[in-house]
């Protein structure tokens, strides 16, 4: 079961203020990384907006997908 969890890409949103630590962690995990300033709006069509939209789309798709345990039950 642990192997299933490790091999399944799980959308993760990391929020913090220690910018000096975040880039290294993102490179290790192979995640997309964006820097967002809460005092400025994201322009429509900007790279950050697209990445954030794709992140939320992947969360929704993962939520809609059947759980691994449900898939196993169907196979058995």
C-alpha atoms as a PDB file:
ATOM      1  CA  UNK A   1       0.000   0.000   0.000  1.00  0.00           C
ATOM      2  CA  UNK A   2       2.877   2.384   0.755  1.00  0.00           C
ATOM      3  CA  UNK A   3       4.229   1.833  -2.753  1.00  0.00           C
ATOM      4  CA  UNK A   4       0.826   2.835  -4.170  1.00  0.00           C
ATOM      5  CA  UNK A   5       0.869   6.073  -2.221  1.00  0.00           C
ATOM      6  CA  UNK A   6       4.438   6.932  -3.188  1.00  0.00           C
ATOM      7  CA  UNK A   7       3.840   6.266  -6.884  1.00  0.00           C
ATOM      8  CA  UNK A   8       0.619   8.299  -7.024  1.00  0.00           C
ATOM      9  CA  UNK A   9       1.130  11.985  -7.794  1.00  0.00           C
ATOM     10  CA  UNK A  10      -0.763  13.968  -5.185  1.00  0.00           C
ATOM     11  CA  UNK A  11      -1.366  17.669  -5.843  1.00  0.00           C
ATOM     12  CA  UNK A  12       0.278  19.603  -3.019  1.00  0.00           C
ATOM     13  CA  UNK A  13       0.007  23.320  -2.335  1.00  0.00           C
ATOM     14  CA  UNK A  14       2.786  24.689  -0.139  1.00  0.00           C
ATOM     15  CA  UNK A  15       2.161  28.111   1.370  1.00  0.00           C
ATOM     16  CA  UNK A  16       4.780  29.900   3.409  1.00  0.00           C
ATOM     17  CA  UNK A  17       6.934  32.930   3.849  1.00  0.00           C
ATOM     18  CA  UNK A  18      10.392  31.321   3.899  1.00  0.00           C
ATOM     19  CA  UNK A  19      11.110  31.840   0.234  1.00  0.00           C
ATOM     20  CA  UNK A  20      14.768  30.940   0.706  1.00  0.00           C
ATOM     21  CA  UNK A  21      13.756  27.377   1.699  1.00  0.00           C
ATOM     22  CA  UNK A  22      10.961  26.772  -0.821  1.00  0.00           C
ATOM     23  CA  UNK A  23      12.915  26.644  -4.112  1.00  0.00           C
ATOM     24  CA  UNK A  24      15.249  23.887  -2.914  1.00  0.00           C
ATOM     25  CA  UNK A  25      12.345  21.770  -1.697  1.00  0.00           C
ATOM     26  CA  UNK A  26      10.472  22.236  -4.954  1.00  0.00           C
ATOM     27  CA  UNK A  27      13.477  21.130  -6.993  1.00  0.00           C
ATOM     28  CA  UNK A  28      13.885  17.984  -4.886  1.00  0.00           C
ATOM     29  CA  UNK A  29      10.274  16.948  -5.304  1.00  0.00           C
ATOM     30  CA  UNK A  30       9.989  17.914  -8.979  1.00  0.00           C
ATOM     31  CA  UNK A  31       7.010  20.217  -8.422  1.00  0.00           C
ATOM     32  CA  UNK A  32       6.092  23.323 -10.360  1.00  0.00           C
ATOM     33  CA  UNK A  33       6.821  26.398  -8.299  1.00  0.00           C
ATOM     34  CA  UNK A  34       5.292  29.866  -8.420  1.00  0.00           C
ATOM     35  CA  UNK A  35       5.871  32.961  -6.339  1.00  0.00           C
ATOM     36  CA  UNK A  36       2.700  34.867  -5.528  1.00  0.00           C
ATOM     37  CA  UNK A  37       2.531  38.310  -3.979  1.00  0.00           C
ATOM     38  CA  UNK A  38      -0.779  38.736  -2.166  1.00  0.00           C
ATOM     39  CA  UNK A  39      -0.700  42.486  -2.753  1.00  0.00           C
ATOM     40  CA  UNK A  40      -0.811  42.155  -6.542  1.00  0.00           C
ATOM     41  CA  UNK A  41      -3.510  40.573  -8.673  1.00  0.00           C
ATOM     42  CA  UNK A  42      -2.541  37.792 -11.071  1.00  0.00           C
ATOM     43  CA  UNK A  43      -3.045  38.874 -14.644  1.00  0.00           C
ATOM     44  CA  UNK A  44      -5.353  36.641 -16.709  1.00  0.00           C
ATOM     45  CA  UNK A  45      -3.278  34.336 -18.901  1.00  0.00           C
ATOM     46  CA  UNK A  46      -0.075  34.866 -16.922  1.00  0.00           C
ATOM     47  CA  UNK A  47       2.190  31.896 -16.263  1.00  0.00           C
ATOM     48  CA  UNK A  48       1.403  31.896 -12.540  1.00  0.00           C
ATOM     49  CA  UNK A  49      -2.339  32.001 -13.194  1.00  0.00           C
ATOM     50  CA  UNK A  50      -2.130  29.088 -15.622  1.00  0.00           C
ATOM     51  CA  UNK A  51      -0.030  26.992 -13.217  1.00  0.00           C
ATOM     52  CA  UNK A  52      -2.445  27.703 -10.375  1.00  0.00           C
ATOM     53  CA  UNK A  53      -5.448  26.837 -12.562  1.00  0.00           C
ATOM     54  CA  UNK A  54      -3.822  23.556 -13.612  1.00  0.00           C
ATOM     55  CA  UNK A  55      -3.134  22.760  -9.956  1.00  0.00           C
ATOM     56  CA  UNK A  56      -6.781  23.253  -8.991  1.00  0.00           C
ATOM     57  CA  UNK A  57      -7.905  21.267 -12.057  1.00  0.00           C
ATOM     58  CA  UNK A  58      -5.701  18.349 -10.965  1.00  0.00           C
ATOM     59  CA  UNK A  59      -7.153  18.525  -7.444  1.00  0.00           C
ATOM     60  CA  UNK A  60     -10.707  18.399  -8.820  1.00  0.00           C
ATOM     61  CA  UNK A  61      -9.870  15.531 -11.197  1.00  0.00           C
ATOM     62  CA  UNK A  62      -8.238  13.587  -8.383  1.00  0.00           C
ATOM     63  CA  UNK A  63     -11.278  14.164  -6.195  1.00  0.00           C
ATOM     64  CA  UNK A  64     -13.599  12.884  -8.933  1.00  0.00           C
ATOM     65  CA  UNK A  65     -11.465   9.789  -9.598  1.00  0.00           C
ATOM     66  CA  UNK A  66     -12.336   6.611  -7.700  1.00  0.00           C
ATOM     67  CA  UNK A  67     -10.173   5.821  -4.700  1.00  0.00           C
ATOM     68  CA  UNK A  68      -7.554   3.068  -5.090  1.00  0.00           C
ATOM     69  CA  UNK A  69      -9.458   0.853  -2.654  1.00  0.00           C
ATOM     70  CA  UNK A  70     -12.634   1.242  -4.732  1.00  0.00           C
ATOM     71  CA  UNK A  71     -10.722   0.289  -7.886  1.00  0.00           C
ATOM     72  CA  UNK A  72      -9.372  -2.812  -6.166  1.00  0.00           C
ATOM     73  CA  UNK A  73     -12.871  -3.831  -5.085  1.00  0.00           C
ATOM     74  CA  UNK A  74     -14.118  -3.512  -8.645  1.00  0.00           C
ATOM     75  CA  UNK A  75     -11.261  -5.662  -9.947  1.00  0.00           C
ATOM     76  CA  UNK A  76     -11.932  -8.412  -7.414  1.00  0.00           C
END
